[in-house]
Amino acid sequence: MKRLGWFTALACSLLLSTLPYIAAPAHVAPAPPAPVAPQDKAFDPGCTKLPFEAIKMKRPIDSTCPRGGGASATDPTGAHALENEAKNNFCVTGDPVPVTYNAFVGLQTAVNNMTDLPWGEGNRLPPDRSKLRGLKIKDSSRALTLGEGTKVVFVGYVMDAKHDDTAKGEDVNCKLPGNEPNDIHISLRTVPGTQAAAPKGKPDLRCNSITAEISPHFRPAAWDKFDSPPYRPVFQKYPVRITGTLFFDAAHHPCANGIPSAGNPVRISVWEIHPVYAIDVCKYTTLTRCKAGDKTAWTPFDKYQIKS
């Protein structure tokens, strides 16, 4: 009996020593659920008619990528979603404010003077974008009150245009690859022609440009041709008129003293026209004859025929 008691005690001891390992799984926290992919909501512009309603084209991205883009599942502060929604502002009505290159310089200066606005990096964005509205600036001799969401019109020459971020996509477009679901970036200047990149660290004439972006959402079929080879020489000779809303690209830096900032678009200001509401082509070759308000000078791009 002594031996049996000893054996029984040993068996119980061994059994008890294994219990923590048997019971442990019951105390392990369950794995967190996978984040909901942003590709589960249709795009709702927030208004019944788009600025280009008559020529809009429904695309796959319009059924899968919401106004906040891909940030909804990975953006605890909401700053990324707010930026994406600002890029997708298709609902501003009324007449646009004519602006020149100097307005974009003035807007950039206004932001540079703000000490309490986080910007300049992809994860350092304004949590409150109201400070970007109603900025008082000078556009040459004109005093203007502009800001994010103001509908504007700009006349200039196309230095470069391309479907961008096509390899991995962009957050605003739910990181979908390819030409169709991504923006067309347009670099605009006040002088015609293209410009080669300057040596690293040297002043770059491409810094004397501003940016407009054509969103993929409901993008008219004709607009997809904007950066196609037949049109590139045309738009470097004939000015274009770009209408859309002002947007502050808080994830990037502009050129500094004519020198590009590493890893950033080459431009004078990170204020853009984004999204584009309308594109027109001038029948003349000089800015003096291509006034924004002269209706006789312009042809909508979707109706434009390349001159022989």
Protein backbone atom coordinates (compact mmCIF):
# COMPACT_ATOMS: atom_id res chain seq x y z
CA MET A 1 0.00 0.00 0.00
CA LYS A 2 2.90 2.28 0.75
CA ARG A 3 4.28 1.73 -2.71
CA LEU A 4 0.84 2.27 -4.27
CA GLY A 5 0.40 5.47 -2.26
CA TRP A 6 3.76 6.71 -3.34
CA PHE A 7 2.98 5.91 -6.98
CA THR A 8 -0.43 7.57 -6.77
CA ALA A 9 1.06 10.74 -5.25
CA LEU A 10 3.71 10.88 -7.97
CA ALA A 11 1.09 10.46 -10.69
CA CYS A 12 -1.07 13.20 -9.23
CA SER A 13 1.93 15.50 -8.98
CA LEU A 14 2.82 14.92 -12.61
CA LEU A 15 -0.78 15.46 -13.66
CA LEU A 16 -1.04 18.72 -11.72
CA SER A 17 2.22 19.96 -13.20
CA THR A 18 0.71 19.72 -16.67
CA LEU A 19 -2.51 21.57 -15.86
CA PRO A 20 -1.17 25.12 -16.42
CA TYR A 21 -0.17 24.13 -19.93
CA ILE A 22 -3.51 22.51 -20.61
CA ALA A 23 -5.46 25.45 -19.22
CA ALA A 24 -3.33 28.19 -20.77
CA PRO A 25 -5.17 28.39 -24.10
CA ALA A 26 -8.38 29.31 -22.30
CA HIS A 27 -6.69 32.52 -21.08
CA VAL A 28 -5.10 33.57 -24.40
CA ALA A 29 -6.83 36.62 -25.88
CA PRO A 30 -8.48 35.87 -29.23
CA ALA A 31 -6.79 37.29 -32.32
CA PRO A 32 -8.15 40.71 -33.28
CA PRO A 33 -10.48 40.70 -36.26
CA ALA A 34 -8.93 41.61 -39.57
CA PRO A 35 -9.54 45.25 -40.49
CA VAL A 36 -12.40 45.82 -42.86
CA ALA A 37 -11.05 46.52 -46.31
CA PRO A 38 -11.99 49.93 -47.70
CA GLN A 39 -13.16 48.24 -50.90
CA ASP A 40 -16.58 47.63 -49.43
CA LYS A 41 -18.32 50.94 -50.07
CA ALA A 42 -19.36 52.78 -53.20
CA PHE A 43 -18.08 56.28 -53.84
CA ASP A 44 -20.63 58.90 -52.85
CA PRO A 45 -19.58 62.41 -53.94
CA GLY A 46 -22.13 63.96 -51.59
CA CYS A 47 -24.04 65.80 -54.31
CA THR A 48 -26.53 64.72 -56.94
CA LYS A 49 -24.63 66.08 -59.93
CA LEU A 50 -20.94 66.11 -60.73
CA PRO A 51 -19.35 69.20 -62.33
CA PHE A 52 -18.83 67.12 -65.49
CA GLU A 53 -22.14 65.26 -65.19
CA ALA A 54 -22.85 65.21 -68.94
CA ILE A 55 -19.61 63.38 -69.78
CA LYS A 56 -18.94 61.36 -66.61
CA MET A 57 -18.03 57.69 -66.95
CA LYS A 58 -18.70 55.19 -64.18
CA ARG A 59 -15.65 53.10 -63.39
CA PRO A 60 -14.97 50.06 -61.17
CA ILE A 61 -13.32 52.24 -58.51
CA ASP A 62 -16.62 54.09 -58.05
CA SER A 63 -18.18 50.92 -56.70
CA THR A 64 -15.34 49.91 -54.38
CA CYS A 65 -13.53 52.96 -52.99
CA PRO A 66 -15.34 55.47 -50.73
CA ARG A 67 -14.72 59.20 -50.39
CA GLY A 68 -12.31 58.62 -47.51
CA GLY A 69 -10.20 56.33 -49.66
CA GLY A 70 -8.28 53.51 -48.01
CA ALA A 71 -7.69 55.35 -44.74
CA SER A 72 -10.86 54.23 -43.00
CA ALA A 73 -9.36 51.00 -41.62
CA THR A 74 -5.90 52.29 -40.66
CA ASP A 75 -6.39 55.89 -39.57
CA PRO A 76 -7.10 56.22 -35.83
CA THR A 77 -6.85 60.03 -35.84
CA GLY A 78 -9.01 60.49 -38.93
CA ALA A 79 -6.50 62.90 -40.49
CA HIS A 80 -5.84 60.74 -43.54
CA ALA A 81 -9.53 60.27 -44.22
CA LEU A 82 -10.08 64.04 -43.94
CA GLU A 83 -7.30 64.67 -46.45
CA ASN A 84 -8.77 62.11 -48.84
CA GLU A 85 -12.21 63.64 -48.55
CA ALA A 86 -10.73 67.04 -49.39
CA LYS A 87 -9.22 65.50 -52.53
CA ASN A 88 -12.66 64.18 -53.46
CA ASN A 89 -14.59 67.43 -53.13
CA PHE A 90 -16.79 67.47 -56.24
CA CYS A 91 -19.66 69.51 -54.87
CA VAL A 92 -18.58 73.18 -54.89
CA THR A 93 -20.92 75.26 -57.04
CA GLY A 94 -20.92 78.82 -58.32
CA ASP A 95 -18.45 80.72 -60.45
CA PRO A 96 -14.75 79.94 -59.97
CA VAL A 97 -12.27 82.54 -58.76
CA PRO A 98 -9.61 83.26 -61.41
CA VAL A 99 -6.15 82.74 -59.90
CA THR A 100 -2.60 83.04 -61.17
CA TYR A 101 0.70 81.45 -60.22
CA ASN A 102 1.15 84.14 -57.56
CA ALA A 103 -1.94 82.96 -55.68
CA PHE A 104 -0.34 79.56 -55.10
CA VAL A 105 2.82 81.26 -53.85
CA GLY A 106 0.71 83.40 -51.51
CA LEU A 107 -1.20 80.39 -50.20
CA GLN A 108 2.04 78.53 -49.52
CA THR A 109 3.45 81.53 -47.67
CA ALA A 110 0.30 81.71 -45.54
CA VAL A 111 0.75 78.09 -44.46
CA ASN A 112 4.47 78.51 -43.88
CA ASN A 113 3.62 81.25 -41.39
CA MET A 114 1.31 78.99 -39.37
CA THR A 115 3.07 77.65 -36.30
CA ASP A 116 0.34 75.29 -35.13
CA LEU A 117 -0.45 73.35 -38.32
CA PRO A 118 1.15 69.90 -38.67
CA TRP A 119 2.09 69.10 -42.27
CA GLY A 120 4.93 68.03 -44.53
CA GLU A 121 4.97 64.27 -43.93
CA GLY A 122 2.67 61.42 -44.85
CA ASN A 123 1.81 60.66 -41.22
CA ARG A 124 1.89 64.24 -39.97
CA LEU A 125 -1.34 65.71 -41.27
CA PRO A 126 -3.73 68.37 -39.92
CA PRO A 127 -6.42 66.79 -37.71
CA ASP A 128 -8.44 69.98 -38.26
CA ARG A 129 -8.44 71.36 -41.80
CA SER A 130 -10.63 74.37 -41.03
CA LYS A 131 -7.47 76.48 -40.62
CA LEU A 132 -6.83 76.02 -44.34
CA ARG A 133 -9.97 77.92 -45.33
CA GLY A 134 -10.54 81.63 -45.72
CA LEU A 135 -6.86 82.65 -46.03
CA LYS A 136 -6.25 86.27 -46.96
CA ILE A 137 -3.56 86.52 -49.62
CA LYS A 138 -2.33 88.70 -52.46
CA ASP A 139 -2.50 87.49 -56.06
CA SER A 140 -0.25 90.14 -57.61
CA SER A 141 -2.17 93.36 -56.85
CA ARG A 142 -5.45 91.62 -55.99
CA ALA A 143 -6.45 90.90 -52.41
CA LEU A 144 -8.21 87.53 -52.24
CA THR A 145 -9.72 85.32 -49.58
CA LEU A 146 -9.12 81.71 -50.61
CA GLY A 147 -8.49 78.34 -49.09
CA GLU A 148 -9.15 74.65 -49.26
CA GLY A 149 -12.44 74.02 -51.02
CA THR A 150 -12.49 77.29 -52.95
CA LYS A 151 -13.48 76.78 -56.58
CA VAL A 152 -10.83 78.36 -58.82
CA VAL A 153 -9.77 78.54 -62.45
CA PHE A 154 -6.15 78.68 -63.67
CA VAL A 155 -4.71 79.22 -67.13
CA GLY A 156 -1.26 77.92 -68.04
CA TYR A 157 0.86 75.63 -70.20
CA VAL A 158 1.26 71.94 -69.48
CA MET A 159 4.87 71.14 -68.62
CA ASP A 160 4.12 67.49 -67.87
CA ALA A 161 1.13 65.19 -67.39
CA LYS A 162 0.96 61.52 -66.44
CA HIS A 163 -1.11 58.85 -64.76
CA ASP A 164 0.73 58.66 -61.45
CA ASP A 165 1.16 56.19 -58.57
CA THR A 166 0.15 53.39 -60.92
CA ALA A 167 2.44 50.70 -59.47
CA LYS A 168 1.08 50.57 -55.92
CA GLY A 169 -1.79 53.02 -56.05
CA GLU A 170 -2.48 55.87 -53.64
CA ASP A 171 -4.37 55.88 -50.36
CA VAL A 172 -7.07 58.24 -51.66
CA ASN A 173 -7.76 55.67 -54.38
CA CYS A 174 -7.62 52.67 -52.03
CA LYS A 175 -4.12 51.72 -53.23
CA LEU A 176 -5.42 50.16 -56.41
CA PRO A 177 -2.72 49.71 -59.08
CA GLY A 178 -3.01 50.63 -62.75
CA ASN A 179 -3.89 53.66 -64.83
CA GLU A 180 -7.66 53.61 -64.50
CA PRO A 181 -7.98 53.89 -60.68
CA ASN A 182 -5.31 56.59 -60.21
CA ASP A 183 -4.97 60.34 -60.66
CA ILE A 184 -3.56 62.13 -63.68
CA HIS A 185 -1.01 64.62 -62.33
CA ILE A 186 -0.60 67.81 -64.35
CA SER A 187 2.32 70.24 -63.94
CA LEU A 188 1.41 73.74 -65.11
CA ARG A 189 3.58 76.78 -65.79
CA THR A 190 3.25 80.26 -67.19
CA VAL A 191 5.72 79.59 -70.01
CA PRO A 192 5.46 76.93 -72.73
CA GLY A 193 7.65 73.88 -73.12
CA THR A 194 9.17 71.13 -71.00
CA GLN A 195 12.06 71.33 -68.59
CA ALA A 196 14.74 68.76 -67.75
CA ALA A 197 15.66 68.06 -64.15
CA ALA A 198 18.54 70.08 -62.74
CA PRO A 199 21.56 68.43 -61.08
CA LYS A 200 20.90 67.43 -57.48
CA GLY A 201 21.08 70.38 -55.11
CA LYS A 202 20.92 72.97 -57.90
CA PRO A 203 18.03 75.35 -58.68
CA ASP A 204 15.48 73.57 -60.83
CA LEU A 205 13.21 75.46 -63.22
CA ARG A 206 10.58 72.78 -62.73
CA CYS A 207 10.06 74.32 -59.30
CA ASN A 208 8.26 77.15 -61.09
CA SER A 209 5.18 75.00 -61.57
CA ILE A 210 1.90 74.24 -59.86
CA THR A 211 -0.11 71.02 -59.79
CA ALA A 212 -3.59 69.97 -60.83
CA GLU A 213 -4.90 66.42 -60.49
CA ILE A 214 -7.66 64.66 -62.40
CA SER A 215 -9.35 62.15 -60.10
CA PRO A 216 -10.20 58.67 -61.40
CA HIS A 217 -13.73 58.87 -59.97
CA PHE A 218 -16.22 59.06 -62.83
CA ARG A 219 -13.38 60.38 -65.01
CA PRO A 220 -14.66 61.12 -68.52
CA ALA A 221 -13.21 58.84 -71.18
CA ALA A 222 -11.78 61.81 -73.09
CA TRP A 223 -9.85 63.01 -70.05
CA ASP A 224 -7.92 59.74 -69.92
CA LYS A 225 -6.20 60.89 -73.11
CA PHE A 226 -4.88 64.08 -71.54
CA ASP A 227 -1.39 62.65 -71.06
CA SER A 228 -1.33 60.62 -74.30
CA PRO A 229 1.50 61.25 -76.80
CA PRO A 230 -0.62 63.09 -79.42
CA TYR A 231 -1.65 65.77 -76.92
CA ARG A 232 1.64 66.45 -75.14
CA PRO A 233 3.06 68.83 -77.76
CA VAL A 234 -0.35 70.48 -78.16
CA PHE A 235 -0.65 71.42 -74.50
CA GLN A 236 2.89 72.73 -74.39
CA LYS A 237 1.95 75.20 -77.13
CA TYR A 238 -1.70 76.01 -76.44
CA PRO A 239 -2.68 77.04 -72.89
CA VAL A 240 -5.25 75.03 -70.98
CA ARG A 241 -7.86 76.29 -68.55
CA ILE A 242 -8.21 74.12 -65.46
CA THR A 243 -11.19 74.54 -63.15
CA GLY A 244 -11.48 72.77 -59.80
CA THR A 245 -11.16 73.19 -56.06
CA LEU A 246 -8.12 74.18 -54.04
CA PHE A 247 -6.56 71.43 -51.97
CA PHE A 248 -3.60 71.54 -49.57
CA ASP A 249 -1.37 68.48 -50.04
CA ALA A 250 -0.23 68.27 -46.42
CA ALA A 251 1.79 65.09 -46.96
CA HIS A 252 4.51 66.85 -48.99
CA HIS A 253 6.94 69.78 -49.10
CA PRO A 254 7.36 72.27 -51.96
CA CYS A 255 10.66 73.36 -53.46
CA ALA A 256 12.80 75.57 -51.23
CA ASN A 257 14.67 78.43 -52.92
CA GLY A 258 14.20 76.74 -56.27
CA ILE A 259 15.63 73.41 -55.10
CA PRO A 260 13.40 70.30 -54.92
CA SER A 261 12.81 68.67 -51.56
CA ALA A 262 13.93 65.03 -51.65
CA GLY A 263 11.11 62.58 -52.26
CA ASN A 264 8.56 65.31 -52.97
CA PRO A 265 6.88 66.55 -56.16
CA VAL A 266 8.83 69.34 -57.86
CA ARG A 267 6.67 72.48 -57.57
CA ILE A 268 6.50 75.94 -56.01
CA SER A 269 3.56 75.16 -53.71
CA VAL A 270 1.82 72.11 -52.28
CA TRP A 271 -1.51 73.84 -52.90
CA GLU A 272 -3.17 72.09 -55.85
CA ILE A 273 -6.27 72.17 -57.97
CA HIS A 274 -7.66 68.80 -56.91
CA PRO A 275 -10.03 67.49 -58.08
CA VAL A 276 -10.37 68.95 -61.56
CA TYR A 277 -13.91 69.98 -62.52
CA ALA A 278 -13.36 71.10 -66.13
CA ILE A 279 -10.62 71.19 -68.79
CA ASP A 280 -10.59 73.58 -71.75
CA VAL A 281 -8.04 74.28 -74.47
CA CYS A 282 -7.32 77.74 -75.85
CA LYS A 283 -7.33 78.39 -79.59
CA TYR A 284 -4.52 80.91 -79.20
CA THR A 285 -0.93 80.34 -78.10
CA THR A 286 -0.35 83.25 -75.71
CA LEU A 287 -1.66 83.81 -72.19
CA THR A 288 -2.58 87.40 -73.04
CA ARG A 289 -5.13 86.12 -75.57
CA CYS A 290 -6.29 83.22 -73.38
CA LYS A 291 -8.16 85.03 -70.65
CA ALA A 292 -10.02 82.75 -68.27
CA GLY A 293 -13.27 84.69 -68.68
CA ASP A 294 -13.23 84.90 -72.48
CA LYS A 295 -15.71 82.23 -73.53
CA THR A 296 -14.80 82.58 -77.20
CA ALA A 297 -11.20 81.49 -76.61
CA TRP A 298 -11.89 78.05 -75.19
CA THR A 299 -12.95 74.58 -76.34
CA PRO A 300 -13.83 71.83 -73.85
CA PHE A 301 -11.16 69.14 -73.98
CA ASP A 302 -13.69 66.38 -74.71
CA LYS A 303 -14.64 68.28 -77.91
CA TYR A 304 -11.16 69.43 -78.86
CA GLN A 305 -9.69 68.39 -82.19
CA ILE A 306 -5.91 68.44 -82.61
CA LYS A 307 -4.91 71.08 -85.15
CA SER A 308 -3.13 69.72 -88.20
